[in-house]
Protein backbone atom coordinates (compact mmCIF):
# COMPACT_ATOMS: atom_id res chain seq x y z
CA MET A 1 70.99 -68.22 -5.39
CA ILE A 2 68.92 -65.06 -4.81
CA ARG A 3 66.64 -65.23 -1.82
CA ARG A 4 62.90 -64.72 -1.92
CA ASN A 5 63.07 -61.42 0.08
CA THR A 6 65.45 -59.94 -2.48
CA TRP A 7 63.00 -60.71 -5.32
CA ILE A 8 60.15 -59.08 -3.35
CA ALA A 9 62.26 -55.94 -2.77
CA VAL A 10 63.20 -55.75 -6.48
CA GLY A 11 59.51 -56.18 -7.44
CA ILE A 12 58.35 -53.41 -5.09
CA PHE A 13 61.11 -51.12 -6.37
CA ALA A 14 60.05 -51.77 -9.99
CA ILE A 15 56.41 -50.98 -9.15
CA VAL A 16 57.43 -47.70 -7.46
CA VAL A 17 59.53 -46.67 -10.48
CA VAL A 18 56.67 -47.44 -12.91
CA LEU A 19 54.18 -45.50 -10.77
CA ALA A 20 56.54 -42.52 -10.52
CA LEU A 21 56.96 -42.45 -14.31
CA LEU A 22 53.20 -42.68 -14.88
CA LEU A 23 52.41 -39.92 -12.38
CA ASN A 24 55.12 -37.70 -13.81
CA GLN A 25 53.69 -38.01 -17.34
CA THR A 26 50.09 -37.25 -16.30
CA ASN A 27 50.90 -34.00 -14.48
CA GLU A 28 50.37 -30.86 -16.51
CA SER A 29 53.49 -28.96 -17.33
CA PRO A 30 54.06 -26.02 -14.97
CA THR A 31 53.48 -22.47 -16.12
CA ALA A 32 56.44 -21.35 -18.16
CA LEU A 33 58.63 -18.79 -16.47
CA GLU A 34 59.77 -16.24 -18.98
CA PRO A 35 62.72 -14.10 -17.89
CA ILE A 36 62.49 -10.59 -19.18
CA SER A 37 65.50 -10.04 -21.42
CA THR A 38 65.29 -6.26 -21.32
CA PRO A 39 63.40 -5.48 -18.13
CA THR A 40 60.69 -2.92 -18.75
CA PRO A 41 59.21 -1.06 -15.78
CA LEU A 42 55.49 -1.50 -15.09
CA TRP A 43 55.26 2.25 -15.48
CA SER A 44 57.71 5.09 -15.53
CA VAL A 45 56.86 8.36 -13.83
CA SER A 46 58.88 11.01 -12.08
CA PRO A 47 58.90 10.59 -8.28
CA GLU A 48 57.67 14.19 -8.06
CA GLU A 49 54.51 13.19 -10.00
CA ILE A 50 53.49 10.89 -7.15
CA VAL A 51 51.18 12.89 -4.89
CA ALA A 52 49.91 10.04 -2.70
CA ILE A 53 50.89 6.48 -1.80
CA ILE A 54 48.44 4.04 -0.25
CA VAL A 55 49.74 0.74 1.13
CA GLU A 56 47.29 -1.81 2.50
CA GLU A 57 48.10 -5.01 4.34
CA ARG A 58 45.09 -7.20 3.65
CA VAL A 59 45.60 -9.73 6.47
CA THR A 60 45.48 -7.19 9.30
CA GLY A 61 43.52 -4.50 7.47
CA THR A 62 46.25 -1.95 8.18
CA VAL A 63 46.20 0.95 5.71
CA LEU A 64 48.74 3.71 5.40
CA GLU A 65 48.17 6.72 3.20
CA VAL A 66 50.72 9.46 2.75
CA GLU A 67 50.33 12.58 0.65
CA ARG A 68 52.90 14.97 -0.71
CA ASN A 69 52.71 18.20 1.23
CA VAL A 70 54.47 21.48 0.51
CA GLU A 71 55.23 22.15 4.18
CA ASP A 72 56.29 18.68 5.41
CA LEU A 73 57.15 17.13 2.02
CA TRP A 74 55.13 14.04 3.04
CA ARG A 75 52.27 13.83 5.51
CA MET A 76 50.45 10.77 6.80
CA THR A 77 46.69 11.13 6.21
CA ARG A 78 45.55 7.65 7.17
CA PRO A 79 45.11 6.16 9.73
CA ASP A 80 45.99 9.45 11.48
CA GLN A 81 46.98 12.93 10.39
CA ALA A 82 50.67 13.31 11.22
CA PRO A 83 54.02 14.25 9.73
CA ALA A 84 55.83 11.31 8.16
CA ASP A 85 59.45 10.29 7.65
CA ALA A 86 60.08 12.13 4.38
CA ALA A 87 63.38 10.38 3.57
CA ARG A 88 61.84 6.94 4.01
CA ILE A 89 58.84 7.78 1.85
CA GLU A 90 61.02 9.39 -0.83
CA ARG A 91 63.00 6.13 -1.10
CA ALA A 92 59.74 4.22 -1.56
CA ALA A 93 58.44 6.79 -4.07
CA SER A 94 61.70 6.57 -5.99
CA TRP A 95 61.34 2.79 -6.38
CA LEU A 96 57.61 3.11 -7.16
CA SER A 97 58.35 5.58 -9.96
CA ALA A 98 59.64 2.70 -12.13
CA PRO A 99 59.11 -0.75 -10.55
CA THR A 100 60.82 -3.29 -12.79
CA PRO A 101 59.91 -7.01 -12.80
CA GLN A 102 62.61 -9.68 -13.08
CA ALA A 103 60.42 -12.23 -14.86
CA GLN A 104 56.90 -12.77 -16.12
CA LEU A 105 54.56 -15.77 -16.06
CA PHE A 106 52.05 -15.97 -18.91
CA ASP A 107 48.87 -18.05 -19.19
CA VAL A 108 48.36 -18.29 -15.44
CA GLU A 109 44.90 -19.68 -14.79
CA ASP A 110 44.95 -20.03 -11.00
CA LEU A 111 46.09 -16.93 -9.12
CA SER A 112 45.68 -18.71 -5.78
CA GLU A 113 48.99 -20.55 -6.40
CA PHE A 114 50.68 -17.18 -6.02
CA ARG A 115 48.27 -15.87 -3.34
CA LEU A 116 47.18 -13.21 -5.81
CA ASP A 117 43.48 -14.15 -5.73
CA SER A 118 43.48 -12.49 -2.31
CA PRO A 119 46.80 -10.62 -2.24
CA ASP A 120 48.77 -9.96 0.93
CA TYR A 121 49.29 -6.29 0.05
CA ARG A 122 47.87 -3.67 -2.28
CA ILE A 123 49.75 -0.58 -3.32
CA GLN A 124 48.15 2.37 -5.06
CA LEU A 125 49.74 5.54 -6.37
CA LEU A 126 47.92 8.75 -7.15
CA LEU A 127 49.68 10.97 -9.67
CA SER A 128 49.51 14.73 -10.11
CA ASN A 129 47.64 14.29 -13.43
CA GLY A 130 44.86 12.29 -11.68
CA ARG A 131 46.03 8.89 -12.93
CA GLN A 132 46.02 5.93 -10.52
CA LEU A 133 48.52 3.07 -10.64
CA ARG A 134 47.96 -0.21 -8.79
CA LEU A 135 50.02 -3.18 -7.73
CA SER A 136 48.86 -6.32 -5.85
CA VAL A 137 51.53 -8.29 -4.00
CA GLY A 138 51.21 -12.02 -3.33
CA ARG A 139 53.40 -14.57 -1.62
CA GLU A 140 57.16 -14.77 -1.65
CA ALA A 141 58.65 -16.87 -4.45
CA PRO A 142 60.13 -20.22 -3.34
CA THR A 143 63.64 -19.09 -4.24
CA GLY A 144 63.37 -16.12 -1.87
CA GLY A 145 64.33 -12.54 -2.55
CA SER A 146 61.30 -11.95 -4.79
CA ARG A 147 57.50 -11.86 -4.65
CA TYR A 148 54.67 -12.51 -7.07
CA VAL A 149 52.88 -9.37 -8.24
CA ILE A 150 50.07 -8.44 -10.62
CA SER A 151 49.17 -5.08 -12.06
CA PRO A 152 46.64 -3.91 -14.64
CA GLU A 153 49.58 -2.20 -16.31
CA MET A 154 51.22 -5.46 -17.47
CA GLU A 155 50.02 -8.90 -18.53
CA GLY A 156 50.56 -12.05 -16.47
CA VAL A 157 52.06 -12.66 -13.07
CA LEU A 158 55.25 -10.74 -12.44
CA ILE A 159 58.17 -11.65 -10.24
CA MET A 160 59.69 -8.64 -8.53
CA SER A 161 62.75 -8.34 -6.33
CA THR A 162 61.95 -7.67 -2.70
CA LEU A 163 64.82 -5.19 -2.54
CA GLY A 164 62.72 -2.15 -3.50
CA LEU A 165 59.36 -3.71 -2.74
CA ASP A 166 60.29 -4.16 0.92
CA GLU A 167 61.07 -0.45 1.11
CA VAL A 168 57.44 0.25 0.16
CA LEU A 169 55.90 -2.46 2.35
CA SER A 170 57.96 -1.36 5.35
CA LEU A 171 56.07 1.94 5.26
CA LEU A 172 53.34 0.05 7.14
CA LEU A 173 55.69 -0.02 10.13
CA ILE A 174 55.04 3.71 10.48
CA VAL A 175 51.50 2.83 11.54
CA ASP A 176 52.59 0.20 14.08
CA THR A 177 55.43 2.22 15.56
CA PRO A 178 54.23 4.39 18.42
CA ALA A 179 55.82 7.79 18.78
CA ALA A 180 58.64 7.84 21.29
CA PRO A 181 57.59 9.59 24.47
CA PHE A 182 59.30 12.86 25.23
CA SER A 183 61.60 12.68 28.19
CA THR A 184 61.76 15.61 30.52
CA PRO A 185 64.73 16.17 32.76
CA ALA A 186 64.03 15.64 36.44
CA ALA A 187 63.40 18.85 38.27
CA GLU A 188 66.27 19.87 40.49
CA GLU A 189 65.40 20.40 44.11
């Protein structure tokens, strides 16, 4: 014969299962993730057309602006006037010339889910023809290796690989990295 405690446990389990099914049916379906079959860049420009890159970290308020310069190739203009690491900036400019999303979310009503209502970073490009291109970067996707992004250039929330995006965001380290002090050899006596 089945004991009373067993029947109570079976009853509680049945109630939990019914509640789980009811709650699962009442939740709205999540926003559909649409992989991009033929990835199309947000924009496509020549890296040489990029005359300035502005990267802003919204949490700390750190802003870096670099401009293309004939003498130094790239020069930091904000927060200070200084030469910049041309190779590093060229890598970022190369990726920024044709940033390509991996997937796209349509019909997104609440940007706060992706931290795009108040994005972590903003990136702006100034082109030689006067055109400006913008990109707002939100939180990292749960799967890792990608971040949520929006741009006026493309509809919906985009998912972009952090591979190239990190190259651009790491430019902010230029601001936080103090110049190495010059060492002078000790004078011989």
